[in-house]
Amino acid sequence: MLVVAWAGFPILVGLTGVIGVVLVALVITAALGIYRLVTGAHVAWHERLAPGRLAFSTAAGLVAVALAIQLIPFGWDRSNPPVTAEPNWDSPETRELVVRTCFDCHSNEVDYPWYSRVAPMSWAVQLHVDAGRSEVNFSEWDKPQKEADESAETVIDGEMPPAYYTRFAHPEARLSDAELQDLINGLEATFGSDDGDEWDQDDEGDD
C-alpha cells in the first residue's frame, strides 16, 4: 500500500505519471537493498519471506528515498520577481477573485506554502509556477501575454483552477457558483474571449 500511495501521489498533485514510476522504482531498489542487508545468508529462506521483514524493508526504502530526494536542488527557488505592471482590471472584485484563484501560479506574488520546501511537493510547486508564469503572468503586463484572451475560456471549461489546487493545496480558492460566474464575467470584461472581442494589449498600454 505504501508503494501504491507513493506512485499515485505525484499524479494527485499534478506531476506526470513518469515521476511516479521513477519514484516507485527508486523505492523498490532501495527496499531490495535494505532487504538484502536485514536478511543475511545465515537467515533461513522461509524467514527471509516473512511479511514483517518485507514490510520493514519497504518502509525503510520509502524513508530512504524520501530523504534522498530532498538533496535534489530543483524546487529550491522560491523567489518572486518584481511586479512590473498589472492588467487594467474591470473591477476590484475581479482582481480579488483572480488573486484567490490564479495568483499563486500566474503572478510574481506567489505565496509559497510550507510544503514547497519538501520534495516531491516542491517539484510540483516549481513546475506549476514556472508553467503558469510562462502562459500568463498578471504581474508582468508590460510584456506580451498571448494567452490572456483565453483566461475566461479555461475557467468555463473547468481547466482553471485545477481540481487538485482547490481540493488539496488551496481550499480558499474554491468559488461558489456565483463567484465563479463573476470571475468569468470579469475575465471576459478585462481580456475579452476567444469567441468574442479580442483584447489588445498594445491599446491597453496606451491608455
Protein backbone atom coordinates (compact mmCIF):
# COMPACT_ATOMS: atom_id res chain seq x y z
CA MET A 1 0.00 0.00 0.00
CA LEU A 2 2.86 2.38 0.76
CA VAL A 3 4.35 1.87 -2.70
CA VAL A 4 0.97 2.35 -4.38
CA ALA A 5 0.41 5.58 -2.45
CA TRP A 6 3.91 6.77 -3.37
CA ALA A 7 3.17 6.07 -7.04
CA GLY A 8 -0.14 7.90 -7.04
CA PHE A 9 0.97 10.91 -5.03
CA PRO A 10 2.78 12.74 -7.88
CA ILE A 11 -0.26 12.38 -10.13
CA LEU A 12 -2.51 13.62 -7.33
CA VAL A 13 -0.57 16.88 -7.05
CA GLY A 14 -0.34 17.42 -10.80
CA LEU A 15 3.03 15.88 -11.62
CA THR A 16 3.43 13.46 -14.52
CA GLY A 17 2.99 9.73 -14.16
CA VAL A 18 6.61 9.28 -15.24
CA ILE A 19 7.78 10.87 -12.00
CA GLY A 20 5.58 8.45 -10.06
CA VAL A 21 7.11 5.49 -11.90
CA VAL A 22 10.63 6.76 -11.22
CA LEU A 23 9.90 7.26 -7.53
CA VAL A 24 8.44 3.76 -7.24
CA ALA A 25 11.48 2.30 -8.99
CA LEU A 26 13.74 4.10 -6.54
CA VAL A 27 11.74 2.83 -3.57
CA ILE A 28 11.82 -0.76 -4.84
CA THR A 29 15.56 -0.56 -5.47
CA ALA A 30 16.20 0.85 -2.02
CA ALA A 31 13.86 -1.68 -0.41
CA LEU A 32 15.63 -4.58 -2.12
CA GLY A 33 18.99 -3.30 -0.93
CA ILE A 34 17.77 -2.94 2.63
CA TYR A 35 16.09 -6.35 2.44
CA ARG A 36 19.38 -7.97 1.48
CA LEU A 37 21.04 -6.29 4.46
CA VAL A 38 18.46 -7.40 7.02
CA THR A 39 18.25 -10.94 5.64
CA GLY A 40 21.80 -12.18 5.67
CA ALA A 41 22.93 -15.53 4.34
CA HIS A 42 22.51 -17.06 7.79
CA VAL A 43 18.74 -16.47 7.73
CA ALA A 44 16.62 -19.40 6.55
CA TRP A 45 14.77 -18.92 3.23
CA HIS A 46 11.29 -19.11 4.76
CA GLU A 47 12.28 -16.46 7.29
CA ARG A 48 13.52 -14.18 4.51
CA LEU A 49 9.98 -14.06 3.08
CA ALA A 50 8.40 -13.18 6.42
CA PRO A 51 5.84 -10.37 5.98
CA GLY A 52 7.44 -8.38 8.77
CA ARG A 53 10.80 -8.28 7.02
CA LEU A 54 9.19 -7.31 3.72
CA ALA A 55 7.15 -4.54 5.35
CA PHE A 56 10.17 -3.19 7.21
CA SER A 57 12.31 -3.17 4.06
CA THR A 58 9.60 -1.41 2.04
CA ALA A 59 9.03 1.22 4.72
CA ALA A 60 12.76 1.74 5.14
CA GLY A 61 13.21 2.06 1.37
CA LEU A 62 10.43 4.63 1.25
CA VAL A 63 12.03 6.68 4.01
CA ALA A 64 15.48 6.43 2.41
CA VAL A 65 14.20 7.69 -0.96
CA ALA A 66 12.10 10.42 0.68
CA LEU A 67 15.21 11.71 2.45
CA ALA A 68 17.48 11.35 -0.57
CA ILE A 69 15.26 13.34 -2.94
CA GLN A 70 15.45 16.33 -0.60
CA LEU A 71 19.00 16.81 -1.89
CA ILE A 72 17.79 17.41 -5.47
CA PRO A 73 18.00 21.20 -5.89
CA PHE A 74 15.02 21.54 -8.24
CA GLY A 75 12.23 23.37 -6.43
CA TRP A 76 14.53 25.29 -4.11
CA ASP A 77 13.95 28.61 -5.89
CA ARG A 78 11.03 30.28 -4.15
CA SER A 79 11.74 33.82 -5.27
CA ASN A 80 9.25 36.34 -6.57
CA PRO A 81 10.49 38.66 -9.35
CA PRO A 82 9.39 42.30 -9.18
CA VAL A 83 5.85 43.25 -10.17
CA THR A 84 6.27 45.50 -13.19
CA ALA A 85 2.67 46.00 -14.35
CA GLU A 86 -0.82 44.57 -13.84
CA PRO A 87 -3.82 44.42 -16.16
CA ASN A 88 -6.38 47.20 -16.17
CA TRP A 89 -8.95 45.16 -14.26
CA ASP A 90 -12.59 45.89 -14.97
CA SER A 91 -13.27 45.98 -11.22
CA PRO A 92 -11.55 45.42 -7.84
CA GLU A 93 -13.80 42.40 -7.33
CA THR A 94 -12.40 40.71 -10.45
CA ARG A 95 -8.85 41.26 -9.25
CA GLU A 96 -9.72 39.83 -5.82
CA LEU A 97 -11.15 36.67 -7.40
CA VAL A 98 -8.14 36.31 -9.70
CA VAL A 99 -5.79 36.72 -6.72
CA ARG A 100 -7.63 33.94 -4.87
CA THR A 101 -7.68 31.50 -7.75
CA CYS A 102 -4.76 32.34 -10.04
CA PHE A 103 -2.00 34.42 -8.46
CA ASP A 104 -0.18 31.50 -6.82
CA CYS A 105 0.84 30.25 -10.27
CA HIS A 106 0.24 33.17 -12.63
CA SER A 107 1.95 36.08 -10.91
CA ASN A 108 5.11 37.30 -9.19
CA GLU A 109 3.27 37.35 -5.87
CA VAL A 110 3.30 33.63 -5.15
CA ASP A 111 2.64 32.77 -1.51
CA TYR A 112 4.82 29.68 -1.15
CA PRO A 113 3.34 27.23 1.38
CA TRP A 114 5.39 25.17 3.82
CA TYR A 115 5.22 22.06 1.65
CA SER A 116 7.02 23.90 -1.16
CA ARG A 117 10.15 23.09 0.86
CA VAL A 118 9.59 19.32 0.81
CA ALA A 119 10.16 17.14 -2.28
CA PRO A 120 8.32 15.93 -4.28
CA MET A 121 5.76 18.65 -3.45
CA SER A 122 8.44 21.28 -4.04
CA TRP A 123 8.84 19.91 -7.57
CA ALA A 124 5.11 20.23 -8.20
CA VAL A 125 5.02 23.81 -6.95
CA GLN A 126 8.04 24.80 -9.04
CA LEU A 127 6.68 23.19 -12.20
CA HIS A 128 3.24 24.75 -11.79
CA VAL A 129 4.61 28.23 -11.07
CA ASP A 130 7.06 28.08 -14.00
CA ALA A 131 4.34 26.85 -16.36
CA GLY A 132 1.77 29.33 -15.09
CA ARG A 133 4.05 32.34 -15.43
CA SER A 134 5.08 31.30 -18.93
CA GLU A 135 1.44 31.16 -20.08
CA VAL A 136 0.00 34.24 -18.37
CA ASN A 137 1.74 36.40 -15.78
CA PHE A 138 -0.54 39.01 -14.25
CA SER A 139 2.49 40.74 -12.68
CA GLU A 140 4.34 41.44 -15.94
CA TRP A 141 1.66 43.08 -18.04
CA ASP A 142 4.28 45.19 -19.76
CA LYS A 143 5.28 42.03 -21.63
CA PRO A 144 3.22 40.16 -24.25
CA GLN A 145 0.61 37.81 -22.71
CA LYS A 146 -0.61 35.91 -25.75
CA GLU A 147 -2.99 33.62 -23.85
CA ALA A 148 -4.72 36.36 -21.86
CA ASP A 149 -7.86 36.21 -24.01
CA GLU A 150 -8.19 32.50 -23.18
CA SER A 151 -8.45 33.15 -19.44
CA ALA A 152 -12.24 33.09 -19.25
CA GLU A 153 -12.45 30.05 -21.52
CA THR A 154 -10.14 27.99 -19.29
CA VAL A 155 -12.40 28.74 -16.32
CA ILE A 156 -15.55 27.91 -18.29
CA ASP A 157 -14.02 24.60 -19.41
CA GLY A 158 -13.04 23.73 -15.82
CA GLU A 159 -9.33 23.69 -16.63
CA MET A 160 -8.59 26.51 -14.21
CA PRO A 161 -8.22 26.49 -11.35
CA PRO A 162 -7.22 22.80 -11.37
CA ALA A 163 -9.12 20.43 -9.11
CA TYR A 164 -6.01 19.34 -7.17
CA TYR A 165 -5.31 23.02 -6.46
CA THR A 166 -8.68 23.79 -4.90
CA ARG A 167 -9.25 20.41 -3.22
CA PHE A 168 -5.90 19.87 -1.55
CA ALA A 169 -3.48 22.77 -1.83
CA HIS A 170 -5.64 25.90 -1.64
CA PRO A 171 -9.19 25.33 -0.38
CA GLU A 172 -9.59 29.11 -0.13
CA ALA A 173 -9.55 29.14 -3.94
CA ARG A 174 -12.84 27.25 -4.11
CA LEU A 175 -15.51 29.50 -5.53
CA SER A 176 -19.25 29.39 -5.20
CA ASP A 177 -21.29 29.21 -8.39
CA ALA A 178 -21.98 32.92 -8.14
CA GLU A 179 -18.31 33.77 -7.59
CA LEU A 180 -17.31 31.53 -10.48
CA GLN A 181 -19.71 33.35 -12.80
CA ASP A 182 -18.43 36.71 -11.53
CA LEU A 183 -14.86 35.57 -12.28
CA ILE A 184 -15.80 34.53 -15.83
CA ASN A 185 -17.64 37.79 -16.44
CA GLY A 186 -14.73 39.80 -15.05
CA LEU A 187 -12.14 37.99 -17.14
CA GLU A 188 -14.20 38.47 -20.28
CA ALA A 189 -14.70 42.15 -19.49
CA THR A 190 -10.98 42.63 -18.84
CA PHE A 191 -9.44 40.50 -21.58
CA GLY A 192 -12.22 39.55 -23.98
CA SER A 193 -12.50 35.92 -25.07
CA ASP A 194 -11.64 33.55 -27.89
CA ASP A 195 -15.19 33.72 -29.22
CA GLY A 196 -15.77 37.40 -28.66
CA ASP A 197 -13.93 40.68 -28.93
CA GLU A 198 -10.16 40.36 -28.95
CA TRP A 199 -8.25 42.14 -26.20
CA ASP A 200 -5.49 44.41 -27.46
CA GLN A 201 -2.62 44.70 -25.00
CA ASP A 202 -1.00 47.50 -27.02
CA ASP A 203 -4.15 49.57 -26.82
CA GLU A 204 -4.36 48.99 -23.08
CA GLY A 205 -0.80 50.09 -22.61
CA ASP A 206 -1.54 53.30 -24.49
CA ASP A 207 -4.39 54.27 -22.14
